[in-house]
Amino acid sequence: MSFYTSLTGLKAAQSDLATVSNNVANVNSTAFKKSRTNFGDIFAAAPMQTTTQVAGQGTRITGIQQQFTQGTVETTDKTLDLAITGEAFFTVKTPPPTLQVSYTRNGAFSLDDNRYVVDTVGGRLQVFPYNSTTSSIDMTTQSDLQIPLTKPGSPTIQLSSVGVTVDGTVTATFADSTTQILGQIAMAAFPSNEGLRQKGDAHWEATLQSGAPVYGAANAGLYGAIRSGALERSNVDLTEELVALISAQRNFQANAKAIETASTISNAIVNLRS
């Protein structure tokens, strides 16, 4: 039985090493969120058995949990580099025909050939559109953010600059010094961030465990504030991960030694001479 008990320890330590290694490998990945391996003990006893005389049967992995702590915000001075100081996510959608919605904290946005604001994997940033008739933001619907090259209705007046405020309002300034609101960035919050499914490239999608997204504007409540000209770095603490790496390695070695010891005892019993 000791062989199987130590074997569970080896497998657990190996999974822990893999988790820590993934954290270390992504120390420079923008908006990456580290993970932590959680363990639980295995114990079984018959209904009439005295549990005080039964040893455990090893360990098992109860889950690998993401850690959505805030990463360091680094200034880049590029207007479309956006960082969130809070717990919310940007909402992005792939172009037609797929139209897949995902959520990210990687705010390294840029313009594609159609002047849509896209993230690193081509998803278009979603905004609440601006209603020029009522001079208000329509928060009941979302649309792709597109930056015009010239002033609408005046094709000879070119775009001068684009600005993003802390509440996510995107404005365009034109050569004649006039401004136009292009929309307000749609922020998404979830009942349980840990329930989000990872898609890679600092993107997640909603699941039953995470709950449905709740949309809102930045700089209010859970949604946090948006900082233009900055990016959120990985929340991996390299020193902490190296200590965890050493600990996982020691656990692996200890379980391997336990198997070696059990093997030695078994050999001694088999080789007994009467």
C-alpha atoms as a PDB file:
ATOM      1  CA  MET A   1       0.000   0.000   0.000  1.00  0.00           C
ATOM      2  CA  SER A   2       2.894   2.373   0.723  1.00  0.00           C
ATOM      3  CA  PHE A   3       3.914   2.158  -2.938  1.00  0.00           C
ATOM      4  CA  TYR A   4       0.539   3.522  -4.092  1.00  0.00           C
ATOM      5  CA  THR A   5       0.451   6.129  -1.337  1.00  0.00           C
ATOM      6  CA  SER A   6       3.831   7.499  -2.384  1.00  0.00           C
ATOM      7  CA  LEU A   7       2.818   7.247  -6.036  1.00  0.00           C
ATOM      8  CA  THR A   8      -0.060   9.672  -5.414  1.00  0.00           C
ATOM      9  CA  GLY A   9       2.466  12.003  -3.805  1.00  0.00           C
ATOM     10  CA  LEU A  10       4.718  11.771  -6.856  1.00  0.00           C
ATOM     11  CA  LYS A  11       1.844  12.586  -9.215  1.00  0.00           C
ATOM     12  CA  ALA A  12       0.745  15.499  -7.036  1.00  0.00           C
ATOM     13  CA  ALA A  13       4.264  16.910  -6.852  1.00  0.00           C
ATOM     14  CA  GLN A  14       4.630  16.536 -10.615  1.00  0.00           C
ATOM     15  CA  SER A  15       1.411  18.496 -11.199  1.00  0.00           C
ATOM     16  CA  ASP A  16       2.599  21.155  -8.761  1.00  0.00           C
ATOM     17  CA  LEU A  17       5.884  21.412 -10.661  1.00  0.00           C
ATOM     18  CA  ALA A  18       3.972  21.809 -13.937  1.00  0.00           C
ATOM     19  CA  THR A  19       1.803  24.585 -12.487  1.00  0.00           C
ATOM     20  CA  VAL A  20       4.767  26.492 -11.062  1.00  0.00           C
ATOM     21  CA  SER A  21       6.720  26.025 -14.297  1.00  0.00           C
ATOM     22  CA  ASN A  22       3.827  27.495 -16.284  1.00  0.00           C
ATOM     23  CA  ASN A  23       3.738  30.492 -13.942  1.00  0.00           C
ATOM     24  CA  VAL A  24       7.467  31.075 -14.334  1.00  0.00           C
ATOM     25  CA  ALA A  25       7.293  30.668 -18.125  1.00  0.00           C
ATOM     26  CA  ASN A  26       4.646  33.419 -18.321  1.00  0.00           C
ATOM     27  CA  VAL A  27       6.320  35.939 -16.036  1.00  0.00           C
ATOM     28  CA  ASN A  28       6.570  38.380 -18.982  1.00  0.00           C
ATOM     29  CA  SER A  29       3.167  37.617 -20.549  1.00  0.00           C
ATOM     30  CA  THR A  30       0.890  40.664 -20.548  1.00  0.00           C
ATOM     31  CA  ALA A  31      -2.033  40.345 -18.092  1.00  0.00           C
ATOM     32  CA  PHE A  32      -1.226  36.676 -17.325  1.00  0.00           C
ATOM     33  CA  LYS A  33      -2.806  35.340 -14.130  1.00  0.00           C
ATOM     34  CA  LYS A  34      -0.869  32.743 -12.164  1.00  0.00           C
ATOM     35  CA  SER A  35      -2.368  29.488 -10.896  1.00  0.00           C
ATOM     36  CA  ARG A  36      -2.104  27.511  -7.672  1.00  0.00           C
ATOM     37  CA  THR A  37      -2.455  23.748  -7.222  1.00  0.00           C
ATOM     38  CA  ASN A  38      -4.746  22.692  -4.378  1.00  0.00           C
ATOM     39  CA  PHE A  39      -4.433  19.260  -2.755  1.00  0.00           C
ATOM     40  CA  GLY A  40      -6.617  17.069  -0.562  1.00  0.00           C
ATOM     41  CA  ASP A  41      -5.947  13.866   1.363  1.00  0.00           C
ATOM     42  CA  ILE A  42      -7.358  10.434   0.449  1.00  0.00           C
ATOM     43  CA  PHE A  43      -8.856   8.530   3.352  1.00  0.00           C
ATOM     44  CA  ALA A  44     -11.070   5.451   3.339  1.00  0.00           C
ATOM     45  CA  ALA A  45     -12.372   3.249   6.138  1.00  0.00           C
ATOM     46  CA  ALA A  46     -15.051   0.579   6.514  1.00  0.00           C
ATOM     47  CA  PRO A  47     -18.219   1.554   8.442  1.00  0.00           C
ATOM     48  CA  MET A  48     -17.282  -0.623  11.446  1.00  0.00           C
ATOM     49  CA  GLN A  49     -13.576   0.136  11.315  1.00  0.00           C
ATOM     50  CA  THR A  50     -11.815   2.219  13.942  1.00  0.00           C
ATOM     51  CA  THR A  51     -10.529   5.244  12.058  1.00  0.00           C
ATOM     52  CA  THR A  52      -7.841   5.955  14.652  1.00  0.00           C
ATOM     53  CA  GLN A  53      -6.056   2.794  13.462  1.00  0.00           C
ATOM     54  CA  VAL A  54      -6.248   3.514   9.720  1.00  0.00           C
ATOM     55  CA  ALA A  55      -3.586   5.457   7.843  1.00  0.00           C
ATOM     56  CA  GLY A  56      -4.402   7.714   4.942  1.00  0.00           C
ATOM     57  CA  GLN A  57      -4.045   6.505   1.372  1.00  0.00           C
ATOM     58  CA  GLY A  58      -2.245   9.448  -0.167  1.00  0.00           C
ATOM     59  CA  THR A  59      -3.144  12.753  -1.755  1.00  0.00           C
ATOM     60  CA  ARG A  60      -5.064  14.012  -4.764  1.00  0.00           C
ATOM     61  CA  ILE A  61      -5.414  17.245  -6.691  1.00  0.00           C
ATOM     62  CA  THR A  62      -8.646  19.025  -5.832  1.00  0.00           C
ATOM     63  CA  GLY A  63      -8.123  21.712  -8.437  1.00  0.00           C
ATOM     64  CA  ILE A  64      -5.778  24.176 -10.111  1.00  0.00           C
ATOM     65  CA  GLN A  65      -7.094  27.597  -9.170  1.00  0.00           C
ATOM     66  CA  GLN A  66      -6.376  30.831 -11.011  1.00  0.00           C
ATOM     67  CA  GLN A  67      -5.270  33.824  -8.962  1.00  0.00           C
ATOM     68  CA  PHE A  68      -6.850  37.046 -10.244  1.00  0.00           C
ATOM     69  CA  THR A  69      -4.760  39.447  -8.196  1.00  0.00           C
ATOM     70  CA  GLN A  70      -3.779  42.771  -9.742  1.00  0.00           C
ATOM     71  CA  GLY A  71      -0.620  42.774 -11.812  1.00  0.00           C
ATOM     72  CA  THR A  72       1.846  45.636 -12.006  1.00  0.00           C
ATOM     73  CA  VAL A  73       0.718  48.486 -14.267  1.00  0.00           C
ATOM     74  CA  GLU A  74       3.487  49.663 -16.585  1.00  0.00           C
ATOM     75  CA  THR A  75       3.359  52.909 -18.566  1.00  0.00           C
ATOM     76  CA  THR A  76       3.745  52.644 -22.335  1.00  0.00           C
ATOM     77  CA  ASP A  77       2.478  56.084 -23.515  1.00  0.00           C
ATOM     78  CA  LYS A  78       0.495  54.489 -26.360  1.00  0.00           C
ATOM     79  CA  THR A  79      -3.130  55.662 -26.265  1.00  0.00           C
ATOM     80  CA  LEU A  80      -4.640  52.300 -27.224  1.00  0.00           C
ATOM     81  CA  ASP A  81      -2.651  50.450 -24.554  1.00  0.00           C
ATOM     82  CA  LEU A  82      -5.232  50.103 -21.782  1.00  0.00           C
ATOM     83  CA  ALA A  83      -4.846  48.752 -18.250  1.00  0.00           C
ATOM     84  CA  ILE A  84      -7.593  47.932 -15.749  1.00  0.00           C
ATOM     85  CA  THR A  85      -7.097  48.775 -12.086  1.00  0.00           C
ATOM     86  CA  GLY A  86      -9.851  46.600 -10.670  1.00  0.00           C
ATOM     87  CA  GLU A  87     -11.426  43.190 -11.205  1.00  0.00           C
ATOM     88  CA  ALA A  88     -13.289  43.617 -14.510  1.00  0.00           C
ATOM     89  CA  PHE A  89     -12.437  42.521 -18.054  1.00  0.00           C
ATOM     90  CA  PHE A  90     -12.501  44.003 -21.523  1.00  0.00           C
ATOM     91  CA  THR A  91     -15.087  42.436 -23.825  1.00  0.00           C
ATOM     92  CA  VAL A  92     -13.873  41.396 -27.276  1.00  0.00           C
ATOM     93  CA  LYS A  93     -15.635  39.685 -30.175  1.00  0.00           C
ATOM     94  CA  THR A  94     -14.163  37.985 -33.218  1.00  0.00           C
ATOM     95  CA  PRO A  95     -15.212  39.333 -36.650  1.00  0.00           C
ATOM     96  CA  PRO A  96     -18.046  37.707 -38.632  1.00  0.00           C
ATOM     97  CA  PRO A  97     -18.946  34.956 -39.187  1.00  0.00           C
ATOM     98  CA  THR A  98     -17.692  33.473 -35.888  1.00  0.00           C
ATOM     99  CA  LEU A  99     -18.669  36.341 -33.543  1.00  0.00           C
ATOM    100  CA  GLN A 100     -17.188  34.576 -30.510  1.00  0.00           C
ATOM    101  CA  VAL A 101     -17.195  36.642 -27.327  1.00  0.00           C
ATOM    102  CA  SER A 102     -14.329  36.391 -24.866  1.00  0.00           C
ATOM    103  CA  TYR A 103     -12.944  38.469 -22.020  1.00  0.00           C
ATOM    104  CA  THR A 104      -9.423  39.715 -21.498  1.00  0.00           C
ATOM    105  CA  ARG A 105      -7.282  41.998 -19.366  1.00  0.00           C
ATOM    106  CA  ASN A 106      -4.632  42.242 -22.065  1.00  0.00           C
ATOM    107  CA  GLY A 107      -5.182  45.829 -23.199  1.00  0.00           C
ATOM    108  CA  ALA A 108      -2.550  45.890 -25.957  1.00  0.00           C
ATOM    109  CA  PHE A 109      -5.018  47.114 -28.586  1.00  0.00           C
ATOM    110  CA  SER A 110      -4.241  48.326 -32.081  1.00  0.00           C
ATOM    111  CA  LEU A 111      -6.026  49.155 -35.358  1.00  0.00           C
ATOM    112  CA  ASP A 112      -6.639  46.643 -38.144  1.00  0.00           C
ATOM    113  CA  ASP A 113      -6.912  47.470 -41.850  1.00  0.00           C
ATOM    114  CA  ASN A 114     -10.556  48.508 -41.390  1.00  0.00           C
ATOM    115  CA  ARG A 115      -9.624  50.739 -38.427  1.00  0.00           C
ATOM    116  CA  TYR A 116     -11.371  48.512 -35.905  1.00  0.00           C
ATOM    117  CA  VAL A 117      -9.718  48.411 -32.484  1.00  0.00           C
ATOM    118  CA  VAL A 118      -8.491  44.821 -32.048  1.00  0.00           C
ATOM    119  CA  ASP A 119      -6.560  42.901 -29.425  1.00  0.00           C
ATOM    120  CA  THR A 120      -3.516  40.668 -29.902  1.00  0.00           C
ATOM    121  CA  VAL A 121      -5.589  37.780 -31.329  1.00  0.00           C
ATOM    122  CA  GLY A 122      -7.807  39.883 -33.600  1.00  0.00           C
ATOM    123  CA  GLY A 123     -10.865  40.244 -31.367  1.00  0.00           C
ATOM    124  CA  ARG A 124     -12.657  43.575 -31.729  1.00  0.00           C
ATOM    125  CA  LEU A 125     -13.062  45.709 -28.610  1.00  0.00           C
ATOM    126  CA  GLN A 126     -16.709  46.124 -27.636  1.00  0.00           C
ATOM    127  CA  VAL A 127     -18.170  49.490 -26.590  1.00  0.00           C
ATOM    128  CA  PHE A 128     -21.533  50.890 -25.597  1.00  0.00           C
ATOM    129  CA  PRO A 129     -22.456  53.110 -28.580  1.00  0.00           C
ATOM    130  CA  TYR A 130     -23.000  56.856 -28.260  1.00  0.00           C
ATOM    131  CA  ASN A 131     -26.438  58.158 -29.250  1.00  0.00           C
ATOM    132  CA  SER A 132     -25.878  61.574 -30.806  1.00  0.00           C
ATOM    133  CA  THR A 133     -29.616  62.284 -30.832  1.00  0.00           C
ATOM    134  CA  THR A 134     -30.025  61.995 -27.071  1.00  0.00           C
ATOM    135  CA  SER A 135     -26.347  62.813 -26.302  1.00  0.00           C
ATOM    136  CA  SER A 136     -26.114  59.726 -24.104  1.00  0.00           C
ATOM    137  CA  ILE A 137     -24.472  56.311 -23.971  1.00  0.00           C
ATOM    138  CA  ASP A 138     -26.702  53.365 -24.877  1.00  0.00           C
ATOM    139  CA  MET A 139     -25.728  50.674 -22.349  1.00  0.00           C
ATOM    140  CA  THR A 140     -28.310  48.174 -23.597  1.00  0.00           C
ATOM    141  CA  THR A 141     -26.280  47.123 -26.638  1.00  0.00           C
ATOM    142  CA  GLN A 142     -22.673  46.709 -27.737  1.00  0.00           C
ATOM    143  CA  SER A 143     -20.808  47.375 -30.957  1.00  0.00           C
ATOM    144  CA  ASP A 144     -17.295  47.118 -32.400  1.00  0.00           C
ATOM    145  CA  LEU A 145     -15.125  50.165 -31.741  1.00  0.00           C
ATOM    146  CA  GLN A 146     -14.011  51.735 -35.024  1.00  0.00           C
ATOM    147  CA  ILE A 147     -11.796  54.816 -35.245  1.00  0.00           C
ATOM    148  CA  PRO A 148     -12.689  57.097 -38.184  1.00  0.00           C
ATOM    149  CA  LEU A 149      -9.913  58.483 -40.350  1.00  0.00           C
ATOM    150  CA  THR A 150     -11.851  61.653 -41.152  1.00  0.00           C
ATOM    151  CA  LYS A 151     -14.670  63.575 -39.514  1.00  0.00           C
ATOM    152  CA  PRO A 152     -18.092  62.013 -40.271  1.00  0.00           C
ATOM    153  CA  GLY A 153     -19.873  64.211 -42.812  1.00  0.00           C
ATOM    154  CA  SER A 154     -16.670  66.160 -43.517  1.00  0.00           C
ATOM    155  CA  PRO A 155     -14.208  63.879 -45.352  1.00  0.00           C
ATOM    156  CA  THR A 156     -11.668  66.667 -45.790  1.00  0.00           C
ATOM    157  CA  ILE A 157     -11.187  67.107 -42.036  1.00  0.00           C
ATOM    158  CA  GLN A 158      -8.795  64.476 -40.782  1.00  0.00           C
ATOM    159  CA  LEU A 159      -8.490  62.781 -37.399  1.00  0.00           C
ATOM    160  CA  SER A 160      -6.067  64.497 -35.050  1.00  0.00           C
ATOM    161  CA  SER A 161      -6.005  62.245 -31.961  1.00  0.00           C
ATOM    162  CA  VAL A 162      -7.916  59.687 -29.887  1.00  0.00           C
ATOM    163  CA  GLY A 163      -8.394  59.744 -26.125  1.00  0.00           C
ATOM    164  CA  VAL A 164      -9.673  57.278 -23.527  1.00  0.00           C
ATOM    165  CA  THR A 165     -10.836  58.492 -20.107  1.00  0.00           C
ATOM    166  CA  VAL A 166     -10.789  56.588 -16.818  1.00  0.00           C
ATOM    167  CA  ASP A 167     -14.454  55.634 -17.267  1.00  0.00           C
ATOM    168  CA  GLY A 168     -13.739  54.184 -20.709  1.00  0.00           C
ATOM    169  CA  THR A 169     -15.214  56.975 -22.820  1.00  0.00           C
ATOM    170  CA  VAL A 170     -13.456  57.013 -26.211  1.00  0.00           C
ATOM    171  CA  THR A 171     -13.312  60.388 -27.962  1.00  0.00           C
ATOM    172  CA  ALA A 172     -11.902  61.446 -31.323  1.00  0.00           C
ATOM    173  CA  THR A 173     -10.461  64.919 -31.894  1.00  0.00           C
ATOM    174  CA  PHE A 174     -10.329  66.232 -35.441  1.00  0.00           C
ATOM    175  CA  ALA A 175      -8.163  68.813 -37.197  1.00  0.00           C
ATOM    176  CA  ASP A 176     -10.797  71.528 -36.772  1.00  0.00           C
ATOM    177  CA  SER A 177     -10.559  71.063 -32.962  1.00  0.00           C
ATOM    178  CA  THR A 178     -13.995  69.449 -32.712  1.00  0.00           C
ATOM    179  CA  THR A 179     -14.497  66.249 -30.735  1.00  0.00           C
ATOM    180  CA  GLN A 180     -16.809  63.297 -31.090  1.00  0.00           C
ATOM    181  CA  ILE A 181     -17.632  60.533 -28.612  1.00  0.00           C
ATOM    182  CA  LEU A 182     -17.150  57.127 -30.248  1.00  0.00           C
ATOM    183  CA  GLY A 183     -18.550  55.065 -27.391  1.00  0.00           C
ATOM    184  CA  GLN A 184     -17.784  53.794 -23.912  1.00  0.00           C
ATOM    185  CA  ILE A 185     -15.778  50.613 -23.360  1.00  0.00           C
ATOM    186  CA  ALA A 186     -17.990  47.714 -22.224  1.00  0.00           C
ATOM    187  CA  MET A 187     -16.573  46.233 -19.028  1.00  0.00           C
ATOM    188  CA  ALA A 188     -17.573  42.765 -17.810  1.00  0.00           C
ATOM    189  CA  ALA A 189     -17.599  41.483 -14.226  1.00  0.00           C
ATOM    190  CA  PHE A 190     -18.415  37.958 -13.035  1.00  0.00           C
ATOM    191  CA  PRO A 191     -19.807  36.456  -9.810  1.00  0.00           C
ATOM    192  CA  SER A 192     -16.787  34.096  -9.730  1.00  0.00           C
ATOM    193  CA  ASN A 193     -13.644  34.931 -11.686  1.00  0.00           C
ATOM    194  CA  GLU A 194     -12.126  31.580 -10.695  1.00  0.00           C
ATOM    195  CA  GLY A 195     -14.832  29.809 -12.705  1.00  0.00           C
ATOM    196  CA  LEU A 196     -13.756  31.367 -16.018  1.00  0.00           C
ATOM    197  CA  ARG A 197     -12.323  28.986 -18.624  1.00  0.00           C
ATOM    198  CA  GLN A 198      -8.879  29.875 -19.914  1.00  0.00           C
ATOM    199  CA  LYS A 199      -8.464  30.212 -23.680  1.00  0.00           C
ATOM    200  CA  GLY A 200      -4.827  31.305 -23.782  1.00  0.00           C
ATOM    201  CA  ASP A 201      -3.312  34.701 -24.631  1.00  0.00           C
ATOM    202  CA  ALA A 202      -4.858  36.102 -21.411  1.00  0.00           C
ATOM    203  CA  HIS A 203      -8.384  35.421 -22.687  1.00  0.00           C
ATOM    204  CA  TRP A 204     -11.228  33.740 -20.842  1.00  0.00           C
ATOM    205  CA  GLU A 205     -14.782  32.668 -21.596  1.00  0.00           C
ATOM    206  CA  ALA A 206     -17.789  32.450 -19.303  1.00  0.00           C
ATOM    207  CA  THR A 207     -18.958  29.125 -17.827  1.00  0.00           C
ATOM    208  CA  LEU A 208     -21.699  27.942 -15.487  1.00  0.00           C
ATOM    209  CA  GLN A 209     -19.175  28.130 -12.644  1.00  0.00           C
ATOM    210  CA  SER A 210     -18.251  31.759 -13.389  1.00  0.00           C
ATOM    211  CA  GLY A 211     -21.830  32.921 -13.864  1.00  0.00           C
ATOM    212  CA  ALA A 212     -23.109  35.219 -16.575  1.00  0.00           C
ATOM    213  CA  PRO A 213     -21.202  38.465 -17.215  1.00  0.00           C
ATOM    214  CA  VAL A 214     -22.555  41.693 -15.752  1.00  0.00           C
ATOM    215  CA  TYR A 215     -21.748  44.625 -18.024  1.00  0.00           C
ATOM    216  CA  GLY A 216     -21.102  48.175 -16.940  1.00  0.00           C
ATOM    217  CA  ALA A 217     -18.918  51.228 -17.321  1.00  0.00           C
ATOM    218  CA  ALA A 218     -15.439  51.615 -15.890  1.00  0.00           C
ATOM    219  CA  ASN A 219     -14.572  53.699 -12.834  1.00  0.00           C
ATOM    220  CA  ALA A 220     -17.651  52.451 -10.976  1.00  0.00           C
ATOM    221  CA  GLY A 221     -17.878  49.708  -8.363  1.00  0.00           C
ATOM    222  CA  LEU A 222     -16.415  46.348  -9.368  1.00  0.00           C
ATOM    223  CA  TYR A 223     -15.422  47.506 -12.819  1.00  0.00           C
ATOM    224  CA  GLY A 224     -12.353  49.463 -11.772  1.00  0.00           C
ATOM    225  CA  ALA A 225     -10.775  52.295 -13.719  1.00  0.00           C
ATOM    226  CA  ILE A 226      -9.126  52.301 -17.135  1.00  0.00           C
ATOM    227  CA  ARG A 227      -5.660  53.754 -17.582  1.00  0.00           C
ATOM    228  CA  SER A 228      -4.790  54.757 -21.123  1.00  0.00           C
ATOM    229  CA  GLY A 229      -1.135  54.487 -22.117  1.00  0.00           C
ATOM    230  CA  ALA A 230      -0.403  51.588 -19.775  1.00  0.00           C
ATOM    231  CA  LEU A 231      -0.484  47.774 -19.668  1.00  0.00           C
ATOM    232  CA  GLU A 232      -1.031  45.314 -16.850  1.00  0.00           C
ATOM    233  CA  ARG A 233       1.860  42.905 -16.502  1.00  0.00           C
ATOM    234  CA  SER A 234       1.774  39.328 -15.227  1.00  0.00           C
ATOM    235  CA  ASN A 235       0.932  38.933 -11.532  1.00  0.00           C
ATOM    236  CA  VAL A 236       3.648  36.275 -11.134  1.00  0.00           C
ATOM    237  CA  ASP A 237       6.136  36.979  -8.335  1.00  0.00           C
ATOM    238  CA  LEU A 238       9.281  35.269  -9.585  1.00  0.00           C
ATOM    239  CA  THR A 239      10.870  34.978  -6.137  1.00  0.00           C
ATOM    240  CA  GLU A 240       7.740  33.364  -4.708  1.00  0.00           C
ATOM    241  CA  GLU A 241       7.518  30.936  -7.621  1.00  0.00           C
ATOM    242  CA  LEU A 242      11.161  29.868  -7.287  1.00  0.00           C
ATOM    243  CA  VAL A 243      10.577  29.057  -3.612  1.00  0.00           C
ATOM    244  CA  ALA A 244       7.465  27.053  -4.609  1.00  0.00           C
ATOM    245  CA  LEU A 245       9.550  25.287  -7.257  1.00  0.00           C
ATOM    246  CA  ILE A 246      12.114  24.203  -4.663  1.00  0.00           C
ATOM    247  CA  SER A 247       9.321  23.018  -2.351  1.00  0.00           C
ATOM    248  CA  ALA A 248       7.679  20.963  -5.121  1.00  0.00           C
ATOM    249  CA  GLN A 249      11.034  19.438  -6.011  1.00  0.00           C
ATOM    250  CA  ARG A 250      11.660  18.448  -2.379  1.00  0.00           C
ATOM    251  CA  ASN A 251       8.185  16.889  -2.156  1.00  0.00           C
ATOM    252  CA  PHE A 252       8.886  14.860  -5.289  1.00  0.00           C
ATOM    253  CA  GLN A 253      12.230  13.675  -3.909  1.00  0.00           C
ATOM    254  CA  ALA A 254      10.699  12.744  -0.553  1.00  0.00           C
ATOM    255  CA  ASN A 255       7.979  10.630  -2.162  1.00  0.00           C
ATOM    256  CA  ALA A 256      10.536   8.975  -4.431  1.00  0.00           C
ATOM    257  CA  LYS A 257      12.612   8.165  -1.352  1.00  0.00           C
ATOM    258  CA  ALA A 258       9.547   6.652   0.344  1.00  0.00           C
ATOM    259  CA  ILE A 259       9.052   4.338  -2.657  1.00  0.00           C
ATOM    260  CA  GLU A 260      12.723   3.383  -2.557  1.00  0.00           C
ATOM    261  CA  THR A 261      12.472   2.605   1.174  1.00  0.00           C
ATOM    262  CA  ALA A 262       9.328   0.506   0.676  1.00  0.00           C
ATOM    263  CA  SER A 263      11.117  -1.390  -2.104  1.00  0.00           C
ATOM    264  CA  THR A 264      14.094  -2.074   0.163  1.00  0.00           C
ATOM    265  CA  ILE A 265      11.830  -3.430   2.915  1.00  0.00           C
ATOM    266  CA  SER A 266       9.975  -5.633   0.432  1.00  0.00           C
ATOM    267  CA  ASN A 267      13.249  -7.049  -0.855  1.00  0.00           C
ATOM    268  CA  ALA A 268      14.402  -7.772   2.691  1.00  0.00           C
ATOM    269  CA  ILE A 269      11.189  -9.714   3.399  1.00  0.00           C
ATOM    270  CA  VAL A 270      11.383 -11.675   0.125  1.00  0.00           C
ATOM    271  CA  ASN A 271      15.011 -12.618   0.790  1.00  0.00           C
ATOM    272  CA  LEU A 272      14.414 -13.900   4.317  1.00  0.00           C
ATOM    273  CA  ARG A 273      15.903 -17.319   4.921  1.00  0.00           C
ATOM    274  CA  SER A 274      14.326 -19.784   7.274  1.00  0.00           C
END
